[in-house]
């Protein structure tokens, strides 16, 4: 597994969403849409907290797009 590249623009942008507790919308390749705020990220996954504070683990390759909500 490669080292987590914190200098990459996409990683920095997601880190800013985490820091700012920004609400996001994530569209999966399956067509499902999930919303909440990103709790943490690593090389392979993003952990999203849904409105009820349930942790949803999302595999990065399953993501079609991620955008701020609001």
C-alpha atoms as a PDB file:
ATOM      1  CA  UNK A   1       0.000   0.000   0.000  1.00  0.00           C
ATOM      2  CA  UNK A   2       1.315   3.428  -0.903  1.00  0.00           C
ATOM      3  CA  UNK A   3       1.849   6.258   1.540  1.00  0.00           C
ATOM      4  CA  UNK A   4      -1.070   8.663   2.066  1.00  0.00           C
ATOM      5  CA  UNK A   5      -0.348  11.618  -0.255  1.00  0.00           C
ATOM      6  CA  UNK A   6      -1.478  14.589   1.855  1.00  0.00           C
ATOM      7  CA  UNK A   7      -0.113  17.027  -0.734  1.00  0.00           C
ATOM      8  CA  UNK A   8      -2.564  15.992  -3.450  1.00  0.00           C
ATOM      9  CA  UNK A   9      -5.250  18.604  -4.188  1.00  0.00           C
ATOM     10  CA  UNK A  10      -8.099  16.095  -3.785  1.00  0.00           C
ATOM     11  CA  UNK A  11      -6.807  14.958  -0.380  1.00  0.00           C
ATOM     12  CA  UNK A  12      -6.339  18.573   0.770  1.00  0.00           C
ATOM     13  CA  UNK A  13      -9.860  19.488  -0.374  1.00  0.00           C
ATOM     14  CA  UNK A  14     -11.409  16.559   1.517  1.00  0.00           C
ATOM     15  CA  UNK A  15      -9.317  17.493   4.592  1.00  0.00           C
ATOM     16  CA  UNK A  16     -10.769  21.018   4.400  1.00  0.00           C
ATOM     17  CA  UNK A  17     -14.288  19.506   4.306  1.00  0.00           C
ATOM     18  CA  UNK A  18     -13.413  17.490   7.432  1.00  0.00           C
ATOM     19  CA  UNK A  19     -11.944  20.496   9.248  1.00  0.00           C
ATOM     20  CA  UNK A  20     -14.889  22.760   8.358  1.00  0.00           C
ATOM     21  CA  UNK A  21     -17.483  20.021   9.076  1.00  0.00           C
ATOM     22  CA  UNK A  22     -18.820  20.727   5.583  1.00  0.00           C
ATOM     23  CA  UNK A  23     -21.904  18.778   4.519  1.00  0.00           C
ATOM     24  CA  UNK A  24     -21.203  16.793   1.360  1.00  0.00           C
ATOM     25  CA  UNK A  25     -23.051  14.671  -1.147  1.00  0.00           C
ATOM     26  CA  UNK A  26     -21.374  11.516  -2.489  1.00  0.00           C
ATOM     27  CA  UNK A  27     -22.713   9.775  -5.587  1.00  0.00           C
ATOM     28  CA  UNK A  28     -21.671   6.145  -5.876  1.00  0.00           C
ATOM     29  CA  UNK A  29     -21.083   4.236  -9.098  1.00  0.00           C
ATOM     30  CA  UNK A  30     -24.188   2.186  -8.197  1.00  0.00           C
ATOM     31  CA  UNK A  31     -26.250   5.372  -8.550  1.00  0.00           C
ATOM     32  CA  UNK A  32     -26.871   5.638  -4.794  1.00  0.00           C
ATOM     33  CA  UNK A  33     -26.562   9.097  -3.274  1.00  0.00           C
ATOM     34  CA  UNK A  34     -25.372   9.556   0.322  1.00  0.00           C
ATOM     35  CA  UNK A  35     -25.106  12.797   2.251  1.00  0.00           C
ATOM     36  CA  UNK A  36     -23.531  13.883   5.505  1.00  0.00           C
ATOM     37  CA  UNK A  37     -20.122  15.058   6.636  1.00  0.00           C
ATOM     38  CA  UNK A  38     -16.791  13.361   6.188  1.00  0.00           C
ATOM     39  CA  UNK A  39     -15.391  12.057   9.473  1.00  0.00           C
ATOM     40  CA  UNK A  40     -12.013  10.785   8.197  1.00  0.00           C
ATOM     41  CA  UNK A  41     -10.240   9.484   5.105  1.00  0.00           C
ATOM     42  CA  UNK A  42      -7.415   7.106   4.303  1.00  0.00           C
ATOM     43  CA  UNK A  43      -5.910   5.604   1.146  1.00  0.00           C
ATOM     44  CA  UNK A  44      -8.798   3.253   0.492  1.00  0.00           C
ATOM     45  CA  UNK A  45     -11.904   4.672   2.215  1.00  0.00           C
ATOM     46  CA  UNK A  46     -13.834   7.734   3.270  1.00  0.00           C
ATOM     47  CA  UNK A  47     -15.913   7.586   6.443  1.00  0.00           C
ATOM     48  CA  UNK A  48     -19.107   9.602   6.167  1.00  0.00           C
ATOM     49  CA  UNK A  49     -21.312  10.528   9.125  1.00  0.00           C
ATOM     50  CA  UNK A  50     -24.939  10.571   8.014  1.00  0.00           C
ATOM     51  CA  UNK A  51     -27.495  12.940   9.623  1.00  0.00           C
ATOM     52  CA  UNK A  52     -28.087  10.438  12.453  1.00  0.00           C
ATOM     53  CA  UNK A  53     -24.290  10.285  13.105  1.00  0.00           C
ATOM     54  CA  UNK A  54     -24.055   6.725  11.738  1.00  0.00           C
ATOM     55  CA  UNK A  55     -20.630   6.012  10.236  1.00  0.00           C
ATOM     56  CA  UNK A  56     -20.763   4.875   6.604  1.00  0.00           C
ATOM     57  CA  UNK A  57     -17.532   3.477   5.202  1.00  0.00           C
ATOM     58  CA  UNK A  58     -17.218   4.183   1.469  1.00  0.00           C
ATOM     59  CA  UNK A  59     -14.557   2.620  -0.716  1.00  0.00           C
ATOM     60  CA  UNK A  60     -12.846   5.304  -2.823  1.00  0.00           C
ATOM     61  CA  UNK A  61     -13.205   3.308  -6.086  1.00  0.00           C
ATOM     62  CA  UNK A  62     -16.997   3.184  -5.505  1.00  0.00           C
ATOM     63  CA  UNK A  63     -17.291   6.996  -5.683  1.00  0.00           C
ATOM     64  CA  UNK A  64     -18.535   8.602  -8.896  1.00  0.00           C
ATOM     65  CA  UNK A  65     -18.304  12.117  -7.428  1.00  0.00           C
ATOM     66  CA  UNK A  66     -18.193  14.055  -4.172  1.00  0.00           C
ATOM     67  CA  UNK A  67     -19.399  17.638  -3.822  1.00  0.00           C
ATOM     68  CA  UNK A  68     -20.186  20.113  -1.062  1.00  0.00           C
ATOM     69  CA  UNK A  69     -23.860  20.221  -0.173  1.00  0.00           C
ATOM     70  CA  UNK A  70     -25.236  23.688   0.346  1.00  0.00           C
END
